[in-house]
Amino acid sequence: MMFAKKRVKLLAFQGIIEVPSWVALGFWIVLQIVLGLGLLGAGTGGGVAYAAHIGGFLAGLILIKFFDPLKRNQLEG
């Protein structure tokens, strides 16, 4: 949310490419969900770790509203 328009480097089949951060994040979220559900044959026992990653992402998405240092600096200055 803080740097949604920034570009990041992503390792893809074509090599290293630059994409907007929201594209890379969207890909990561889909990957976590698919692997967490075991749709790619990831085996058993890894679902908790994937769910924890998704839960941490969602918690950060909610809590950034309360702890955003960029907005805090604007209010103080």
PDB file of N, CA and C in Angstrom:
ATOM      1  N   MET A   1       0.821  -1.197   0.000  1.00  0.00           N
ATOM      2  CA  MET A   1       0.000   0.000   0.000  1.00  0.00           C
ATOM      3  C   MET A   1       0.861   1.255   0.000  1.00  0.00           C
ATOM      4  N   MET A   2       2.001   1.185   0.688  1.00  0.00           N
ATOM      5  CA  MET A   2       2.844   2.368   0.784  1.00  0.00           C
ATOM      6  C   MET A   2       3.636   2.597  -0.491  1.00  0.00           C
ATOM      7  N   PHE A   3       4.003   1.534  -1.192  1.00  0.00           N
ATOM      8  CA  PHE A   3       4.851   1.660  -2.373  1.00  0.00           C
ATOM      9  C   PHE A   3       4.239   0.915  -3.556  1.00  0.00           C
ATOM     10  N   ALA A   4       2.967   1.053  -3.766  1.00  0.00           N
ATOM     11  CA  ALA A   4       2.259   0.295  -4.792  1.00  0.00           C
ATOM     12  C   ALA A   4       2.722   0.633  -6.212  1.00  0.00           C
ATOM     13  N   LYS A   5       3.251   1.817  -6.423  1.00  0.00           N
ATOM     14  CA  LYS A   5       3.645   2.218  -7.777  1.00  0.00           C
ATOM     15  C   LYS A   5       5.115   1.936  -8.080  1.00  0.00           C
ATOM     16  N   LYS A   6       5.854   1.437  -7.098  1.00  0.00           N
ATOM     17  CA  LYS A   6       7.263   1.115  -7.317  1.00  0.00           C
ATOM     18  C   LYS A   6       7.386  -0.122  -8.200  1.00  0.00           C
ATOM     19  N   ARG A   7       8.505  -0.224  -8.903  1.00  0.00           N
ATOM     20  CA  ARG A   7       8.768  -1.385  -9.740  1.00  0.00           C
ATOM     21  C   ARG A   7       9.795  -2.272  -9.041  1.00  0.00           C
ATOM     22  N   VAL A   8       9.595  -3.572  -9.150  1.00  0.00           N
ATOM     23  CA  VAL A   8      10.496  -4.536  -8.537  1.00  0.00           C
ATOM     24  C   VAL A   8      10.983  -5.511  -9.599  1.00  0.00           C
ATOM     25  N   LYS A   9      12.118  -6.127  -9.333  1.00  0.00           N
ATOM     26  CA  LYS A   9      12.661  -7.127 -10.248  1.00  0.00           C
ATOM     27  C   LYS A   9      12.120  -8.490  -9.861  1.00  0.00           C
ATOM     28  N   LEU A  10      11.698  -9.243 -10.880  1.00  0.00           N
ATOM     29  CA  LEU A  10      11.066 -10.534 -10.669  1.00  0.00           C
ATOM     30  C   LEU A  10      11.744 -11.554 -11.566  1.00  0.00           C
ATOM     31  N   LEU A  11      12.089 -12.701 -11.000  1.00  0.00           N
ATOM     32  CA  LEU A  11      12.685 -13.770 -11.783  1.00  0.00           C
ATOM     33  C   LEU A  11      11.564 -14.526 -12.476  1.00  0.00           C
ATOM     34  N   ALA A  12      11.546 -14.490 -13.802  1.00  0.00           N
ATOM     35  CA  ALA A  12      10.500 -15.136 -14.587  1.00  0.00           C
ATOM     36  C   ALA A  12      11.151 -16.098 -15.582  1.00  0.00           C
ATOM     37  N   PHE A  13      10.346 -16.726 -16.396  1.00  0.00           N
ATOM     38  CA  PHE A  13      10.866 -17.664 -17.393  1.00  0.00           C
ATOM     39  C   PHE A  13      11.745 -16.956 -18.422  1.00  0.00           C
ATOM     40  N   GLN A  14      11.478 -15.684 -18.683  1.00  0.00           N
ATOM     41  CA  GLN A  14      12.250 -14.921 -19.651  1.00  0.00           C
ATOM     42  C   GLN A  14      13.517 -14.333 -19.037  1.00  0.00           C
ATOM     43  N   GLY A  15      13.760 -14.556 -17.783  1.00  0.00           N
ATOM     44  CA  GLY A  15      14.894 -13.971 -17.074  1.00  0.00           C
ATOM     45  C   GLY A  15      14.381 -13.026 -16.000  1.00  0.00           C
ATOM     46  N   ILE A  16      15.162 -12.009 -15.711  1.00  0.00           N
ATOM     47  CA  ILE A  16      14.762 -11.024 -14.701  1.00  0.00           C
ATOM     48  C   ILE A  16      14.023  -9.888 -15.394  1.00  0.00           C
ATOM     49  N   ILE A  17      12.794  -9.630 -14.950  1.00  0.00           N
ATOM     50  CA  ILE A  17      11.973  -8.577 -15.533  1.00  0.00           C
ATOM     51  C   ILE A  17      11.550  -7.611 -14.429  1.00  0.00           C
ATOM     52  N   GLU A  18      11.191  -6.395 -14.823  1.00  0.00           N
ATOM     53  CA  GLU A  18      10.670  -5.414 -13.872  1.00  0.00           C
ATOM     54  C   GLU A  18       9.166  -5.318 -14.031  1.00  0.00           C
ATOM     55  N   VAL A  19       8.478  -5.394 -12.907  1.00  0.00           N
ATOM     56  CA  VAL A  19       7.016  -5.297 -12.899  1.00  0.00           C
ATOM     57  C   VAL A  19       6.606  -4.371 -11.763  1.00  0.00           C
ATOM     58  N   PRO A  20       5.394  -3.806 -11.818  1.00  0.00           N
ATOM     59  CA  PRO A  20       4.905  -3.035 -10.670  1.00  0.00           C
ATOM     60  C   PRO A  20       4.817  -3.927  -9.435  1.00  0.00           C
ATOM     61  N   SER A  21       5.023  -3.340  -8.278  1.00  0.00           N
ATOM     62  CA  SER A  21       5.050  -4.136  -7.049  1.00  0.00           C
ATOM     63  C   SER A  21       3.734  -4.859  -6.801  1.00  0.00           C
ATOM     64  N   TRP A  22       2.620  -4.270  -7.206  1.00  0.00           N
ATOM     65  CA  TRP A  22       1.338  -4.925  -6.969  1.00  0.00           C
ATOM     66  C   TRP A  22       1.201  -6.200  -7.807  1.00  0.00           C
ATOM     67  N   VAL A  23       1.845  -6.271  -8.975  1.00  0.00           N
ATOM     68  CA  VAL A  23       1.817  -7.486  -9.791  1.00  0.00           C
ATOM     69  C   VAL A  23       2.597  -8.593  -9.091  1.00  0.00           C
ATOM     70  N   ALA A  24       3.803  -8.266  -8.600  1.00  0.00           N
ATOM     71  CA  ALA A  24       4.618  -9.251  -7.898  1.00  0.00           C
ATOM     72  C   ALA A  24       3.910  -9.727  -6.633  1.00  0.00           C
ATOM     73  N   LEU A  25       3.288  -8.827  -5.921  1.00  0.00           N
ATOM     74  CA  LEU A  25       2.575  -9.191  -4.700  1.00  0.00           C
ATOM     75  C   LEU A  25       1.361 -10.066  -5.004  1.00  0.00           C
ATOM     76  N   GLY A  26       0.645  -9.726  -6.053  1.00  0.00           N
ATOM     77  CA  GLY A  26      -0.494 -10.545  -6.463  1.00  0.00           C
ATOM     78  C   GLY A  26      -0.075 -11.955  -6.832  1.00  0.00           C
ATOM     79  N   PHE A  27       1.042 -12.076  -7.557  1.00  0.00           N
ATOM     80  CA  PHE A  27       1.571 -13.380  -7.918  1.00  0.00           C
ATOM     81  C   PHE A  27       1.941 -14.164  -6.661  1.00  0.00           C
ATOM     82  N   TRP A  28       2.572 -13.496  -5.701  1.00  0.00           N
ATOM     83  CA  TRP A  28       2.989 -14.147  -4.460  1.00  0.00           C
ATOM     84  C   TRP A  28       1.770 -14.651  -3.676  1.00  0.00           C
ATOM     85  N   ILE A  29       0.720 -13.839  -3.604  1.00  0.00           N
ATOM     86  CA  ILE A  29      -0.484 -14.235  -2.866  1.00  0.00           C
ATOM     87  C   ILE A  29      -1.137 -15.449  -3.513  1.00  0.00           C
ATOM     88  N   VAL A  30      -1.254 -15.437  -4.831  1.00  0.00           N
ATOM     89  CA  VAL A  30      -1.843 -16.579  -5.535  1.00  0.00           C
ATOM     90  C   VAL A  30      -0.995 -17.827  -5.310  1.00  0.00           C
ATOM     91  N   LEU A  31       0.321 -17.681  -5.380  1.00  0.00           N
ATOM     92  CA  LEU A  31       1.212 -18.814  -5.153  1.00  0.00           C
ATOM     93  C   LEU A  31       1.047 -19.385  -3.746  1.00  0.00           C
ATOM     94  N   GLN A  32       0.934 -18.513  -2.747  1.00  0.00           N
ATOM     95  CA  GLN A  32       0.753 -18.967  -1.367  1.00  0.00           C
ATOM     96  C   GLN A  32      -0.568 -19.723  -1.204  1.00  0.00           C
ATOM     97  N   ILE A  33      -1.618 -19.226  -1.827  1.00  0.00           N
ATOM     98  CA  ILE A  33      -2.922 -19.879  -1.721  1.00  0.00           C
ATOM     99  C   ILE A  33      -2.907 -21.234  -2.412  1.00  0.00           C
ATOM    100  N   VAL A  34      -2.358 -21.284  -3.621  1.00  0.00           N
ATOM    101  CA  VAL A  34      -2.327 -22.544  -4.375  1.00  0.00           C
ATOM    102  C   VAL A  34      -1.482 -23.585  -3.652  1.00  0.00           C
ATOM    103  N   LEU A  35      -0.296 -23.190  -3.201  1.00  0.00           N
ATOM    104  CA  LEU A  35       0.555 -24.142  -2.494  1.00  0.00           C
ATOM    105  C   LEU A  35      -0.038 -24.535  -1.149  1.00  0.00           C
ATOM    106  N   GLY A  36      -0.714 -23.610  -0.496  1.00  0.00           N
ATOM    107  CA  GLY A  36      -1.345 -23.906   0.782  1.00  0.00           C
ATOM    108  C   GLY A  36      -2.478 -24.904   0.661  1.00  0.00           C
ATOM    109  N   LEU A  37      -3.164 -24.850  -0.454  1.00  0.00           N
ATOM    110  CA  LEU A  37      -4.253 -25.799  -0.678  1.00  0.00           C
ATOM    111  C   LEU A  37      -3.744 -27.134  -1.203  1.00  0.00           C
ATOM    112  N   GLY A  38      -2.471 -27.180  -1.583  1.00  0.00           N
ATOM    113  CA  GLY A  38      -1.888 -28.422  -2.076  1.00  0.00           C
ATOM    114  C   GLY A  38      -2.256 -28.753  -3.501  1.00  0.00           C
ATOM    115  N   LEU A  39      -2.640 -27.755  -4.282  1.00  0.00           N
ATOM    116  CA  LEU A  39      -3.068 -28.015  -5.655  1.00  0.00           C
ATOM    117  C   LEU A  39      -1.914 -28.382  -6.580  1.00  0.00           C
ATOM    118  N   LEU A  40      -0.680 -28.085  -6.177  1.00  0.00           N
ATOM    119  CA  LEU A  40       0.462 -28.413  -7.020  1.00  0.00           C
ATOM    120  C   LEU A  40       1.188 -29.661  -6.526  1.00  0.00           C
ATOM    121  N   GLY A  41       0.555 -30.421  -5.696  1.00  0.00           N
ATOM    122  CA  GLY A  41       1.170 -31.635  -5.184  1.00  0.00           C
ATOM    123  C   GLY A  41       2.332 -31.365  -4.249  1.00  0.00           C
ATOM    124  N   ALA A  42       2.227 -30.333  -3.437  1.00  0.00           N
ATOM    125  CA  ALA A  42       3.314 -29.944  -2.545  1.00  0.00           C
ATOM    126  C   ALA A  42       3.495 -30.917  -1.393  1.00  0.00           C
ATOM    127  N   GLY A  43       2.618 -31.866  -1.258  1.00  0.00           N
ATOM    128  CA  GLY A  43       2.747 -32.828  -0.166  1.00  0.00           C
ATOM    129  C   GLY A  43       1.896 -32.414   1.022  1.00  0.00           C
ATOM    130  N   THR A  44       2.204 -33.020   2.160  1.00  0.00           N
ATOM    131  CA  THR A  44       1.422 -32.735   3.359  1.00  0.00           C
ATOM    132  C   THR A  44       2.278 -32.019   4.388  1.00  0.00           C
ATOM    133  N   GLY A  45       1.635 -31.318   5.283  1.00  0.00           N
ATOM    134  CA  GLY A  45       2.337 -30.706   6.402  1.00  0.00           C
ATOM    135  C   GLY A  45       2.770 -29.283   6.190  1.00  0.00           C
ATOM    136  N   GLY A  46       2.629 -28.712   4.999  1.00  0.00           N
ATOM    137  CA  GLY A  46       3.088 -27.352   4.760  1.00  0.00           C
ATOM    138  C   GLY A  46       1.987 -26.317   4.762  1.00  0.00           C
ATOM    139  N   GLY A  47       0.755 -26.738   4.937  1.00  0.00           N
ATOM    140  CA  GLY A  47      -0.370 -25.820   4.851  1.00  0.00           C
ATOM    141  C   GLY A  47      -0.374 -24.747   5.914  1.00  0.00           C
ATOM    142  N   VAL A  48       0.131 -25.062   7.103  1.00  0.00           N
ATOM    143  CA  VAL A  48       0.132 -24.093   8.190  1.00  0.00           C
ATOM    144  C   VAL A  48       1.064 -22.932   7.876  1.00  0.00           C
ATOM    145  N   ALA A  49       2.222 -23.209   7.311  1.00  0.00           N
ATOM    146  CA  ALA A  49       3.181 -22.157   6.987  1.00  0.00           C
ATOM    147  C   ALA A  49       2.609 -21.220   5.926  1.00  0.00           C
ATOM    148  N   TYR A  50       1.963 -21.774   4.917  1.00  0.00           N
ATOM    149  CA  TYR A  50       1.371 -20.926   3.880  1.00  0.00           C
ATOM    150  C   TYR A  50       0.244 -20.068   4.454  1.00  0.00           C
ATOM    151  N   ALA A  51      -0.574 -20.663   5.316  1.00  0.00           N
ATOM    152  CA  ALA A  51      -1.652 -19.909   5.953  1.00  0.00           C
ATOM    153  C   ALA A  51      -1.084 -18.806   6.839  1.00  0.00           C
ATOM    154  N   ALA A  52       0.046 -19.061   7.498  1.00  0.00           N
ATOM    155  CA  ALA A  52       0.669 -18.043   8.340  1.00  0.00           C
ATOM    156  C   ALA A  52       1.177 -16.881   7.494  1.00  0.00           C
ATOM    157  N   HIS A  53       1.727 -17.165   6.322  1.00  0.00           N
ATOM    158  CA  HIS A  53       2.190 -16.094   5.440  1.00  0.00           C
ATOM    159  C   HIS A  53       1.016 -15.224   4.988  1.00  0.00           C
ATOM    160  N   ILE A  54      -0.067 -15.875   4.607  1.00  0.00           N
ATOM    161  CA  ILE A  54      -1.247 -15.116   4.167  1.00  0.00           C
ATOM    162  C   ILE A  54      -1.824 -14.310   5.324  1.00  0.00           C
ATOM    163  N   GLY A  55      -1.885 -14.907   6.517  1.00  0.00           N
ATOM    164  CA  GLY A  55      -2.382 -14.195   7.700  1.00  0.00           C
ATOM    165  C   GLY A  55      -1.514 -13.003   8.054  1.00  0.00           C
ATOM    166  N   GLY A  56      -0.203 -13.168   7.966  1.00  0.00           N
ATOM    167  CA  GLY A  56       0.714 -12.054   8.227  1.00  0.00           C
ATOM    168  C   GLY A  56       0.551 -10.938   7.220  1.00  0.00           C
ATOM    169  N   PHE A  57       0.347 -11.299   5.967  1.00  0.00           N
ATOM    170  CA  PHE A  57       0.111 -10.285   4.934  1.00  0.00           C
ATOM    171  C   PHE A  57      -1.170  -9.507   5.223  1.00  0.00           C
ATOM    172  N   LEU A  58      -2.232 -10.213   5.556  1.00  0.00           N
ATOM    173  CA  LEU A  58      -3.504  -9.542   5.841  1.00  0.00           C
ATOM    174  C   LEU A  58      -3.409  -8.665   7.084  1.00  0.00           C
ATOM    175  N   ALA A  59      -2.702  -9.143   8.104  1.00  0.00           N
ATOM    176  CA  ALA A  59      -2.523  -8.331   9.315  1.00  0.00           C
ATOM    177  C   ALA A  59      -1.750  -7.056   8.987  1.00  0.00           C
ATOM    178  N   GLY A  60      -0.705  -7.180   8.190  1.00  0.00           N
ATOM    179  CA  GLY A  60       0.061  -6.000   7.785  1.00  0.00           C
ATOM    180  C   GLY A  60      -0.773  -5.032   6.969  1.00  0.00           C
ATOM    181  N   LEU A  61      -1.623  -5.578   6.118  1.00  0.00           N
ATOM    182  CA  LEU A  61      -2.497  -4.740   5.293  1.00  0.00           C
ATOM    183  C   LEU A  61      -3.450  -3.923   6.159  1.00  0.00           C
ATOM    184  N   ILE A  62      -3.946  -4.523   7.222  1.00  0.00           N
ATOM    185  CA  ILE A  62      -4.858  -3.825   8.130  1.00  0.00           C
ATOM    186  C   ILE A  62      -4.102  -2.858   9.043  1.00  0.00           C
ATOM    187  N   LEU A  63      -2.986  -3.313   9.612  1.00  0.00           N
ATOM    188  CA  LEU A  63      -2.268  -2.511  10.603  1.00  0.00           C
ATOM    189  C   LEU A  63      -1.489  -1.338  10.020  1.00  0.00           C
ATOM    190  N   ILE A  64      -1.223  -1.335   8.715  1.00  0.00           N
ATOM    191  CA  ILE A  64      -0.473  -0.221   8.120  1.00  0.00           C
ATOM    192  C   ILE A  64      -1.255   1.084   8.268  1.00  0.00           C
ATOM    193  N   LYS A  65      -2.567   0.995   8.355  1.00  0.00           N
ATOM    194  CA  LYS A  65      -3.384   2.196   8.558  1.00  0.00           C
ATOM    195  C   LYS A  65      -3.074   2.860   9.899  1.00  0.00           C
ATOM    196  N   PHE A  66      -2.722   2.038  10.901  1.00  0.00           N
ATOM    197  CA  PHE A  66      -2.458   2.561  12.239  1.00  0.00           C
ATOM    198  C   PHE A  66      -0.995   2.941  12.457  1.00  0.00           C
ATOM    199  N   PHE A  67      -0.081   2.300  11.745  1.00  0.00           N
ATOM    200  CA  PHE A  67       1.342   2.495  12.004  1.00  0.00           C
ATOM    201  C   PHE A  67       2.097   3.052  10.801  1.00  0.00           C
ATOM    202  N   ASP A  68       1.426   3.710   9.885  1.00  0.00           N
ATOM    203  CA  ASP A  68       2.063   4.241   8.677  1.00  0.00           C
ATOM    204  C   ASP A  68       3.012   5.378   9.037  1.00  0.00           C
ATOM    205  N   PRO A  69       4.335   5.184   8.917  1.00  0.00           N
ATOM    206  CA  PRO A  69       5.279   6.240   9.291  1.00  0.00           C
ATOM    207  C   PRO A  69       5.210   7.448   8.361  1.00  0.00           C
ATOM    208  N   LEU A  70       4.803   7.257   7.113  1.00  0.00           N
ATOM    209  CA  LEU A  70       4.715   8.381   6.190  1.00  0.00           C
ATOM    210  C   LEU A  70       3.598   9.341   6.595  1.00  0.00           C
ATOM    211  N   LYS A  71       2.455   8.812   6.978  1.00  0.00           N
ATOM    212  CA  LYS A  71       1.346   9.663   7.416  1.00  0.00           C
ATOM    213  C   LYS A  71       1.647  10.292   8.769  1.00  0.00           C
ATOM    214  N   ARG A  72       2.337   9.575   9.639  1.00  0.00           N
ATOM    215  CA  ARG A  72       2.690  10.094  10.951  1.00  0.00           C
ATOM    216  C   ARG A  72       3.614  11.310  10.819  1.00  0.00           C
ATOM    217  N   ASN A  73       4.575  11.243   9.903  1.00  0.00           N
ATOM    218  CA  ASN A  73       5.479  12.371   9.675  1.00  0.00           C
ATOM    219  C   ASN A  73       4.731  13.573   9.130  1.00  0.00           C
ATOM    220  N   GLN A  74       3.744  13.359   8.284  1.00  0.00           N
ATOM    221  CA  GLN A  74       2.961  14.468   7.737  1.00  0.00           C
ATOM    222  C   GLN A  74       2.137  15.143   8.819  1.00  0.00           C
ATOM    223  N   LEU A  75       1.610  14.369   9.763  1.00  0.00           N
ATOM    224  CA  LEU A  75       0.787  14.932  10.829  1.00  0.00           C
ATOM    225  C   LEU A  75       1.642  15.746  11.813  1.00  0.00           C
ATOM    226  N   GLU A  76       2.867  15.305  12.107  1.00  0.00           N
ATOM    227  CA  GLU A  76       3.729  15.980  13.058  1.00  0.00           C
ATOM    228  C   GLU A  76       4.350  17.242  12.480  1.00  0.00           C
ATOM    229  N   GLY A  77       4.616  17.224  11.186  1.00  0.00           N
ATOM    230  CA  GLY A  77       5.351  18.331  10.571  1.00  0.00           C
ATOM    231  C   GLY A  77       4.471  19.323   9.986  1.00  0.00           C
TER     232      GLY A  77
END
